[in-house]
Amino acid sequence: MVKWAVELSEYGIEYHPRPAIKTQALVDFVVEMTAEEGEHKQQWWKLFVHGSSTLQGSGAGVILETPQGDKIQYALRFNFDASNNEAEYEALLAGGRLAQTVGAKYLRAYSDSQLVVNQLNGDYEAKGEKMIQYLNLIRTLCQKFERFELQRVPRSNNEEADQLAKLASSLTIVQNQKITLLTQEYSGIEDPANEVLVNTRNLVGKTQLKPISPRDHYQQTGKRPK
């Protein structure tokens, strides 16, 4: 080092050894990097839901968006009667179960239902036996995720889920092969543990998934669902 310092001095260049990194700066760097790694590990999924009830029937639109931005679209047709508010709860319940099925741990859900969002967030009181039962079901489901958030969005920002719900609640044949048509036989209240999926055929002839109740699964297979 001394030799280099002498030679460089001929050209008017001075050599200064690099000072040591301050301890606090190193600590701040480690903390910052650790925080970034923690945020990276939190792979947030997005869930957009909408429920619809018409004279033709009721159903839900569910859109699951992966942390990488890929979207999975579901049109969920209900084979049971449901009011608009009940369909909104069923949409959130079904979407949450689907997210759980694919292994999502961090879930941000979006709904345009003022009633559902405010009841779950505690701003509205759930009135009526069914609303209380649905609220308890959703709260139980939320606990199965490491993080769960629910936000209300305007209908205009939830158009895709809205269109899927309208498609599901009508008897329209699904032509878009990117949309998975599901059929739900029982409401969440009638069958709270309705998480069993089996293959069936939808209206476009594609093999899809159809939720059935654990009791039907047991009758068909002789095996009790876990």
C-alpha atoms as a PDB file:
ATOM      1  CA  MET A   1       0.000   0.000   0.000  1.00  0.00           C
ATOM      2  CA  VAL A   2       2.895   2.348   0.887  1.00  0.00           C
ATOM      3  CA  LYS A   3       4.550   1.635  -2.497  1.00  0.00           C
ATOM      4  CA  TRP A   4       1.347   2.503  -4.371  1.00  0.00           C
ATOM      5  CA  ALA A   5       0.857   5.637  -2.294  1.00  0.00           C
ATOM      6  CA  VAL A   6       4.366   6.864  -3.192  1.00  0.00           C
ATOM      7  CA  GLU A   7       3.943   6.163  -6.912  1.00  0.00           C
ATOM      8  CA  LEU A   8       0.512   7.805  -7.069  1.00  0.00           C
ATOM      9  CA  SER A   9       1.782  10.941  -5.292  1.00  0.00           C
ATOM     10  CA  GLU A  10       3.882  11.736  -8.390  1.00  0.00           C
ATOM     11  CA  TYR A  11       0.643  12.322 -10.294  1.00  0.00           C
ATOM     12  CA  GLY A  12      -0.969  14.413  -7.586  1.00  0.00           C
ATOM     13  CA  ILE A  13      -3.193  11.528  -6.506  1.00  0.00           C
ATOM     14  CA  GLU A  14      -3.527  10.802  -2.823  1.00  0.00           C
ATOM     15  CA  TYR A  15      -4.445   7.409  -1.459  1.00  0.00           C
ATOM     16  CA  HIS A  16      -6.943   7.267   1.391  1.00  0.00           C
ATOM     17  CA  PRO A  17      -7.853   3.913   2.908  1.00  0.00           C
ATOM     18  CA  ARG A  18     -11.602   3.132   2.868  1.00  0.00           C
ATOM     19  CA  PRO A  19     -13.094   3.913   6.274  1.00  0.00           C
ATOM     20  CA  ALA A  20     -14.922   1.156   8.103  1.00  0.00           C
ATOM     21  CA  ILE A  21     -18.708   0.992   7.720  1.00  0.00           C
ATOM     22  CA  LYS A  22     -20.348   2.401  10.790  1.00  0.00           C
ATOM     23  CA  THR A  23     -22.060  -0.181  12.951  1.00  0.00           C
ATOM     24  CA  GLN A  24     -25.440   1.595  12.838  1.00  0.00           C
ATOM     25  CA  ALA A  25     -25.364   1.810   9.033  1.00  0.00           C
ATOM     26  CA  LEU A  26     -24.754  -1.924   8.846  1.00  0.00           C
ATOM     27  CA  VAL A  27     -27.607  -2.580  11.269  1.00  0.00           C
ATOM     28  CA  ASP A  28     -29.950  -0.366   9.221  1.00  0.00           C
ATOM     29  CA  PHE A  29     -28.978  -2.235   6.058  1.00  0.00           C
ATOM     30  CA  VAL A  30     -29.696  -5.637   7.613  1.00  0.00           C
ATOM     31  CA  VAL A  31     -33.055  -4.443   8.973  1.00  0.00           C
ATOM     32  CA  GLU A  32     -34.032  -3.019   5.578  1.00  0.00           C
ATOM     33  CA  MET A  33     -33.106  -6.194   3.716  1.00  0.00           C
ATOM     34  CA  THR A  34     -34.878  -8.377   6.278  1.00  0.00           C
ATOM     35  CA  ALA A  35     -38.049  -6.306   5.901  1.00  0.00           C
ATOM     36  CA  GLU A  36     -37.895  -6.612   2.107  1.00  0.00           C
ATOM     37  CA  GLU A  37     -37.445 -10.372   2.350  1.00  0.00           C
ATOM     38  CA  GLY A  38     -40.434 -10.581   4.707  1.00  0.00           C
ATOM     39  CA  GLU A  39     -42.630  -8.620   2.292  1.00  0.00           C
ATOM     40  CA  HIS A  40     -41.481 -10.821  -0.576  1.00  0.00           C
ATOM     41  CA  LYS A  41     -42.549 -13.954   1.273  1.00  0.00           C
ATOM     42  CA  GLN A  42     -46.069 -12.571   1.749  1.00  0.00           C
ATOM     43  CA  GLN A  43     -47.542 -13.718  -1.531  1.00  0.00           C
ATOM     44  CA  TRP A  44     -50.840 -11.843  -1.615  1.00  0.00           C
ATOM     45  CA  TRP A  45     -53.728 -13.250  -3.641  1.00  0.00           C
ATOM     46  CA  LYS A  46     -56.629 -11.058  -4.729  1.00  0.00           C
ATOM     47  CA  LEU A  47     -60.261 -12.144  -4.707  1.00  0.00           C
ATOM     48  CA  PHE A  48     -63.091 -10.305  -6.461  1.00  0.00           C
ATOM     49  CA  VAL A  49     -66.612 -11.538  -5.731  1.00  0.00           C
ATOM     50  CA  HIS A  50     -70.181 -10.638  -6.574  1.00  0.00           C
ATOM     51  CA  GLY A  51     -73.468 -12.415  -5.875  1.00  0.00           C
ATOM     52  CA  SER A  52     -76.611 -12.194  -7.957  1.00  0.00           C
ATOM     53  CA  SER A  53     -80.203 -13.318  -7.491  1.00  0.00           C
ATOM     54  CA  THR A  54     -82.732 -13.183 -10.325  1.00  0.00           C
ATOM     55  CA  LEU A  55     -86.047 -14.777 -11.220  1.00  0.00           C
ATOM     56  CA  GLN A  56     -84.104 -17.379 -13.226  1.00  0.00           C
ATOM     57  CA  GLY A  57     -81.845 -18.333 -10.352  1.00  0.00           C
ATOM     58  CA  SER A  58     -78.935 -17.186  -8.256  1.00  0.00           C
ATOM     59  CA  GLY A  59     -75.188 -17.444  -8.510  1.00  0.00           C
ATOM     60  CA  ALA A  60     -71.853 -15.776  -7.953  1.00  0.00           C
ATOM     61  CA  GLY A  61     -68.924 -14.437  -9.874  1.00  0.00           C
ATOM     62  CA  VAL A  62     -65.510 -15.210  -8.425  1.00  0.00           C
ATOM     63  CA  ILE A  63     -62.147 -14.037  -9.733  1.00  0.00           C
ATOM     64  CA  LEU A  64     -58.952 -15.257  -8.102  1.00  0.00           C
ATOM     65  CA  GLU A  65     -55.808 -13.353  -9.011  1.00  0.00           C
ATOM     66  CA  THR A  66     -52.456 -14.969  -8.252  1.00  0.00           C
ATOM     67  CA  PRO A  67     -49.520 -12.978  -6.819  1.00  0.00           C
ATOM     68  CA  GLN A  68     -48.086 -13.015 -10.361  1.00  0.00           C
ATOM     69  CA  GLY A  69     -51.226 -11.365 -11.772  1.00  0.00           C
ATOM     70  CA  ASP A  70     -52.818 -14.390 -13.473  1.00  0.00           C
ATOM     71  CA  LYS A  71     -56.606 -14.526 -13.187  1.00  0.00           C
ATOM     72  CA  ILE A  72     -58.851 -17.544 -12.666  1.00  0.00           C
ATOM     73  CA  GLN A  73     -62.517 -16.902 -13.411  1.00  0.00           C
ATOM     74  CA  TYR A  74     -65.394 -18.847 -11.893  1.00  0.00           C
ATOM     75  CA  ALA A  75     -69.115 -18.653 -12.575  1.00  0.00           C
ATOM     76  CA  LEU A  76     -70.770 -20.359  -9.624  1.00  0.00           C
ATOM     77  CA  ARG A  77     -74.373 -21.470 -10.083  1.00  0.00           C
ATOM     78  CA  PHE A  78     -76.475 -22.083  -6.975  1.00  0.00           C
ATOM     79  CA  ASN A  79     -78.960 -24.948  -6.984  1.00  0.00           C
ATOM     80  CA  PHE A  80     -80.789 -23.400  -4.043  1.00  0.00           C
ATOM     81  CA  ASP A  81     -82.776 -20.233  -3.436  1.00  0.00           C
ATOM     82  CA  ALA A  82     -80.825 -17.201  -2.252  1.00  0.00           C
ATOM     83  CA  SER A  83     -81.619 -13.525  -1.824  1.00  0.00           C
ATOM     84  CA  ASN A  84     -79.221 -10.871  -3.103  1.00  0.00           C
ATOM     85  CA  ASN A  85     -77.550 -10.470   0.289  1.00  0.00           C
ATOM     86  CA  GLU A  86     -77.316 -14.235   0.756  1.00  0.00           C
ATOM     87  CA  ALA A  87     -75.794 -14.577  -2.729  1.00  0.00           C
ATOM     88  CA  GLU A  88     -73.206 -11.923  -1.828  1.00  0.00           C
ATOM     89  CA  TYR A  89     -72.223 -13.878   1.280  1.00  0.00           C
ATOM     90  CA  GLU A  90     -72.144 -17.142  -0.673  1.00  0.00           C
ATOM     91  CA  ALA A  91     -69.862 -15.512  -3.259  1.00  0.00           C
ATOM     92  CA  LEU A  92     -67.371 -14.456  -0.589  1.00  0.00           C
ATOM     93  CA  LEU A  93     -67.612 -17.818   1.145  1.00  0.00           C
ATOM     94  CA  ALA A  94     -67.051 -19.773  -2.077  1.00  0.00           C
ATOM     95  CA  GLY A  95     -64.219 -17.497  -3.175  1.00  0.00           C
ATOM     96  CA  GLY A  96     -62.491 -17.839   0.177  1.00  0.00           C
ATOM     97  CA  ARG A  97     -62.760 -21.625   0.043  1.00  0.00           C
ATOM     98  CA  LEU A  98     -61.368 -21.712  -3.485  1.00  0.00           C
ATOM     99  CA  ALA A  99     -58.463 -19.513  -2.410  1.00  0.00           C
ATOM    100  CA  GLN A 100     -57.817 -21.833   0.503  1.00  0.00           C
ATOM    101  CA  THR A 101     -57.924 -24.835  -1.830  1.00  0.00           C
ATOM    102  CA  VAL A 102     -55.153 -23.432  -4.047  1.00  0.00           C
ATOM    103  CA  GLY A 103     -52.990 -22.725  -0.997  1.00  0.00           C
ATOM    104  CA  ALA A 104     -53.355 -18.960  -0.630  1.00  0.00           C
ATOM    105  CA  LYS A 105     -52.159 -17.737   2.768  1.00  0.00           C
ATOM    106  CA  TYR A 106     -52.527 -13.998   2.264  1.00  0.00           C
ATOM    107  CA  LEU A 107     -55.817 -12.908   0.740  1.00  0.00           C
ATOM    108  CA  ARG A 108     -57.241  -9.488  -0.122  1.00  0.00           C
ATOM    109  CA  ALA A 109     -60.920  -9.763  -0.976  1.00  0.00           C
ATOM    110  CA  TYR A 110     -62.967  -7.141  -2.796  1.00  0.00           C
ATOM    111  CA  SER A 111     -66.761  -6.930  -2.819  1.00  0.00           C
ATOM    112  CA  ASP A 112     -69.220  -4.244  -3.888  1.00  0.00           C
ATOM    113  CA  SER A 113     -71.724  -5.331  -1.230  1.00  0.00           C
ATOM    114  CA  GLN A 114     -71.952  -2.570   1.353  1.00  0.00           C
ATOM    115  CA  LEU A 115     -73.868  -4.853   3.713  1.00  0.00           C
ATOM    116  CA  VAL A 116     -71.387  -7.752   3.668  1.00  0.00           C
ATOM    117  CA  VAL A 117     -68.267  -5.589   3.964  1.00  0.00           C
ATOM    118  CA  ASN A 118     -69.629  -3.434   6.779  1.00  0.00           C
ATOM    119  CA  GLN A 119     -71.010  -6.409   8.712  1.00  0.00           C
ATOM    120  CA  LEU A 120     -67.708  -8.259   8.525  1.00  0.00           C
ATOM    121  CA  ASN A 121     -65.747  -5.133   9.481  1.00  0.00           C
ATOM    122  CA  GLY A 122     -68.078  -4.516  12.423  1.00  0.00           C
ATOM    123  CA  ASP A 123     -69.619  -1.277  11.161  1.00  0.00           C
ATOM    124  CA  TYR A 124     -73.060  -2.866  10.638  1.00  0.00           C
ATOM    125  CA  GLU A 125     -74.849  -5.225  12.971  1.00  0.00           C
ATOM    126  CA  ALA A 126     -75.954  -8.509  11.424  1.00  0.00           C
ATOM    127  CA  LYS A 127     -79.722  -8.842  11.802  1.00  0.00           C
ATOM    128  CA  GLY A 128     -81.674 -12.002  11.161  1.00  0.00           C
ATOM    129  CA  GLU A 129     -80.672 -15.582  11.802  1.00  0.00           C
ATOM    130  CA  LYS A 130     -79.290 -16.207   8.306  1.00  0.00           C
ATOM    131  CA  MET A 131     -77.130 -13.087   8.233  1.00  0.00           C
ATOM    132  CA  ILE A 132     -75.662 -13.969  11.627  1.00  0.00           C
ATOM    133  CA  GLN A 133     -74.925 -17.521  10.445  1.00  0.00           C
ATOM    134  CA  TYR A 134     -73.258 -16.284   7.255  1.00  0.00           C
ATOM    135  CA  LEU A 135     -71.203 -13.761   9.207  1.00  0.00           C
ATOM    136  CA  ASN A 136     -69.958 -16.462  11.577  1.00  0.00           C
ATOM    137  CA  LEU A 137     -69.078 -18.728   8.647  1.00  0.00           C
ATOM    138  CA  ILE A 138     -66.998 -15.989   7.000  1.00  0.00           C
ATOM    139  CA  ARG A 139     -65.234 -15.134  10.250  1.00  0.00           C
ATOM    140  CA  THR A 140     -64.334 -18.789  10.745  1.00  0.00           C
ATOM    141  CA  LEU A 141     -63.000 -18.977   7.192  1.00  0.00           C
ATOM    142  CA  CYS A 142     -60.912 -15.817   7.667  1.00  0.00           C
ATOM    143  CA  GLN A 143     -59.056 -17.450  10.534  1.00  0.00           C
ATOM    144  CA  LYS A 144     -57.724 -20.118   8.158  1.00  0.00           C
ATOM    145  CA  PHE A 145     -55.571 -17.521   6.383  1.00  0.00           C
ATOM    146  CA  GLU A 146     -52.452 -15.959   7.845  1.00  0.00           C
ATOM    147  CA  ARG A 147     -53.782 -12.581   6.712  1.00  0.00           C
ATOM    148  CA  PHE A 148     -57.223 -11.720   5.360  1.00  0.00           C
ATOM    149  CA  GLU A 149     -58.474  -8.298   4.283  1.00  0.00           C
ATOM    150  CA  LEU A 150     -61.861  -7.302   2.888  1.00  0.00           C
ATOM    151  CA  GLN A 151     -62.470  -4.025   1.071  1.00  0.00           C
ATOM    152  CA  ARG A 152     -65.520  -2.542  -0.565  1.00  0.00           C
ATOM    153  CA  VAL A 153     -65.156  -1.440  -4.168  1.00  0.00           C
ATOM    154  CA  PRO A 154     -67.624   0.386  -6.438  1.00  0.00           C
ATOM    155  CA  ARG A 155     -69.633  -1.813  -8.798  1.00  0.00           C
ATOM    156  CA  SER A 156     -67.821  -0.143 -11.690  1.00  0.00           C
ATOM    157  CA  ASN A 157     -64.525  -1.574 -10.362  1.00  0.00           C
ATOM    158  CA  ASN A 158     -66.009  -5.031 -10.019  1.00  0.00           C
ATOM    159  CA  GLU A 159     -67.518  -5.472 -13.458  1.00  0.00           C
ATOM    160  CA  GLU A 160     -65.815  -8.778 -14.276  1.00  0.00           C
ATOM    161  CA  ALA A 161     -67.180 -10.500 -11.173  1.00  0.00           C
ATOM    162  CA  ASP A 162     -70.563  -8.863 -11.802  1.00  0.00           C
ATOM    163  CA  GLN A 163     -70.742 -10.277 -15.327  1.00  0.00           C
ATOM    164  CA  LEU A 164     -69.744 -13.728 -14.105  1.00  0.00           C
ATOM    165  CA  ALA A 165     -72.469 -13.608 -11.445  1.00  0.00           C
ATOM    166  CA  LYS A 166     -75.086 -12.642 -14.031  1.00  0.00           C
ATOM    167  CA  LEU A 167     -73.897 -15.480 -16.241  1.00  0.00           C
ATOM    168  CA  ALA A 168     -74.119 -17.963 -13.384  1.00  0.00           C
ATOM    169  CA  SER A 169     -77.541 -16.835 -12.164  1.00  0.00           C
ATOM    170  CA  SER A 170     -79.015 -17.112 -15.661  1.00  0.00           C
ATOM    171  CA  LEU A 171     -79.265 -20.359 -17.584  1.00  0.00           C
ATOM    172  CA  THR A 172     -76.952 -19.103 -20.313  1.00  0.00           C
ATOM    173  CA  ILE A 173     -74.588 -21.630 -21.863  1.00  0.00           C
ATOM    174  CA  VAL A 174     -70.976 -20.779 -21.092  1.00  0.00           C
ATOM    175  CA  GLN A 175     -69.039 -20.291 -24.325  1.00  0.00           C
ATOM    176  CA  ASN A 176     -65.837 -18.790 -22.924  1.00  0.00           C
ATOM    177  CA  GLN A 177     -63.457 -21.656 -22.170  1.00  0.00           C
ATOM    178  CA  LYS A 178     -61.465 -19.423 -19.816  1.00  0.00           C
ATOM    179  CA  ILE A 179     -64.436 -19.406 -17.442  1.00  0.00           C
ATOM    180  CA  THR A 180     -64.856 -22.370 -15.134  1.00  0.00           C
ATOM    181  CA  LEU A 181     -68.496 -23.127 -14.406  1.00  0.00           C
ATOM    182  CA  LEU A 182     -69.130 -24.525 -10.925  1.00  0.00           C
ATOM    183  CA  THR A 183     -72.385 -25.743  -9.427  1.00  0.00           C
ATOM    184  CA  GLN A 184     -73.087 -25.562  -5.713  1.00  0.00           C
ATOM    185  CA  GLU A 185     -75.860 -27.854  -4.501  1.00  0.00           C
ATOM    186  CA  TYR A 186     -76.257 -26.581  -0.932  1.00  0.00           C
ATOM    187  CA  SER A 187     -75.925 -23.227   0.773  1.00  0.00           C
ATOM    188  CA  GLY A 188     -73.137 -22.597   3.229  1.00  0.00           C
ATOM    189  CA  ILE A 189     -75.673 -22.600   6.053  1.00  0.00           C
ATOM    190  CA  GLU A 190     -77.236 -25.921   5.030  1.00  0.00           C
ATOM    191  CA  ASP A 191     -73.828 -27.529   4.691  1.00  0.00           C
ATOM    192  CA  PRO A 192     -71.081 -25.493   6.411  1.00  0.00           C
ATOM    193  CA  ALA A 193     -68.381 -28.093   5.627  1.00  0.00           C
ATOM    194  CA  ASN A 194     -69.180 -28.157   1.904  1.00  0.00           C
ATOM    195  CA  GLU A 195     -65.563 -28.238   0.721  1.00  0.00           C
ATOM    196  CA  VAL A 196     -65.473 -31.513  -1.235  1.00  0.00           C
ATOM    197  CA  LEU A 197     -64.911 -31.181  -4.986  1.00  0.00           C
ATOM    198  CA  VAL A 198     -65.584 -33.850  -7.621  1.00  0.00           C
ATOM    199  CA  ASN A 199     -65.374 -33.848 -11.393  1.00  0.00           C
ATOM    200  CA  THR A 200     -68.515 -33.197 -13.381  1.00  0.00           C
ATOM    201  CA  ARG A 201     -69.431 -31.901 -16.852  1.00  0.00           C
ATOM    202  CA  ASN A 202     -70.503 -28.322 -17.430  1.00  0.00           C
ATOM    203  CA  LEU A 203     -72.736 -26.955 -20.192  1.00  0.00           C
ATOM    204  CA  VAL A 204     -69.882 -26.633 -22.715  1.00  0.00           C
ATOM    205  CA  GLY A 205     -68.869 -30.262 -22.235  1.00  0.00           C
ATOM    206  CA  LYS A 206     -65.632 -29.500 -20.420  1.00  0.00           C
ATOM    207  CA  THR A 207     -64.651 -31.412 -17.312  1.00  0.00           C
ATOM    208  CA  GLN A 208     -64.977 -29.074 -14.362  1.00  0.00           C
ATOM    209  CA  LEU A 209     -65.268 -29.074 -10.592  1.00  0.00           C
ATOM    210  CA  LYS A 210     -68.532 -29.316  -8.709  1.00  0.00           C
ATOM    211  CA  PRO A 211     -68.791 -28.799  -4.942  1.00  0.00           C
ATOM    212  CA  ILE A 212     -70.868 -31.468  -3.211  1.00  0.00           C
ATOM    213  CA  SER A 213     -71.695 -31.998   0.419  1.00  0.00           C
ATOM    214  CA  PRO A 214     -69.658 -34.339   2.629  1.00  0.00           C
ATOM    215  CA  ARG A 215     -72.714 -36.534   3.192  1.00  0.00           C
ATOM    216  CA  ASP A 216     -73.140 -37.064  -0.571  1.00  0.00           C
ATOM    217  CA  HIS A 217     -69.418 -37.745  -0.887  1.00  0.00           C
ATOM    218  CA  TYR A 218     -69.701 -40.414   1.795  1.00  0.00           C
ATOM    219  CA  GLN A 219     -72.694 -42.027   0.077  1.00  0.00           C
ATOM    220  CA  GLN A 220     -70.875 -42.109  -3.262  1.00  0.00           C
ATOM    221  CA  THR A 221     -67.445 -43.250  -2.096  1.00  0.00           C
ATOM    222  CA  GLY A 222     -67.960 -44.789   1.327  1.00  0.00           C
ATOM    223  CA  LYS A 223     -65.182 -42.555   2.634  1.00  0.00           C
ATOM    224  CA  ARG A 224     -65.669 -39.890   5.229  1.00  0.00           C
ATOM    225  CA  PRO A 225     -64.311 -36.480   4.173  1.00  0.00           C
ATOM    226  CA  LYS A 226     -61.419 -35.180   6.223  1.00  0.00           C
END
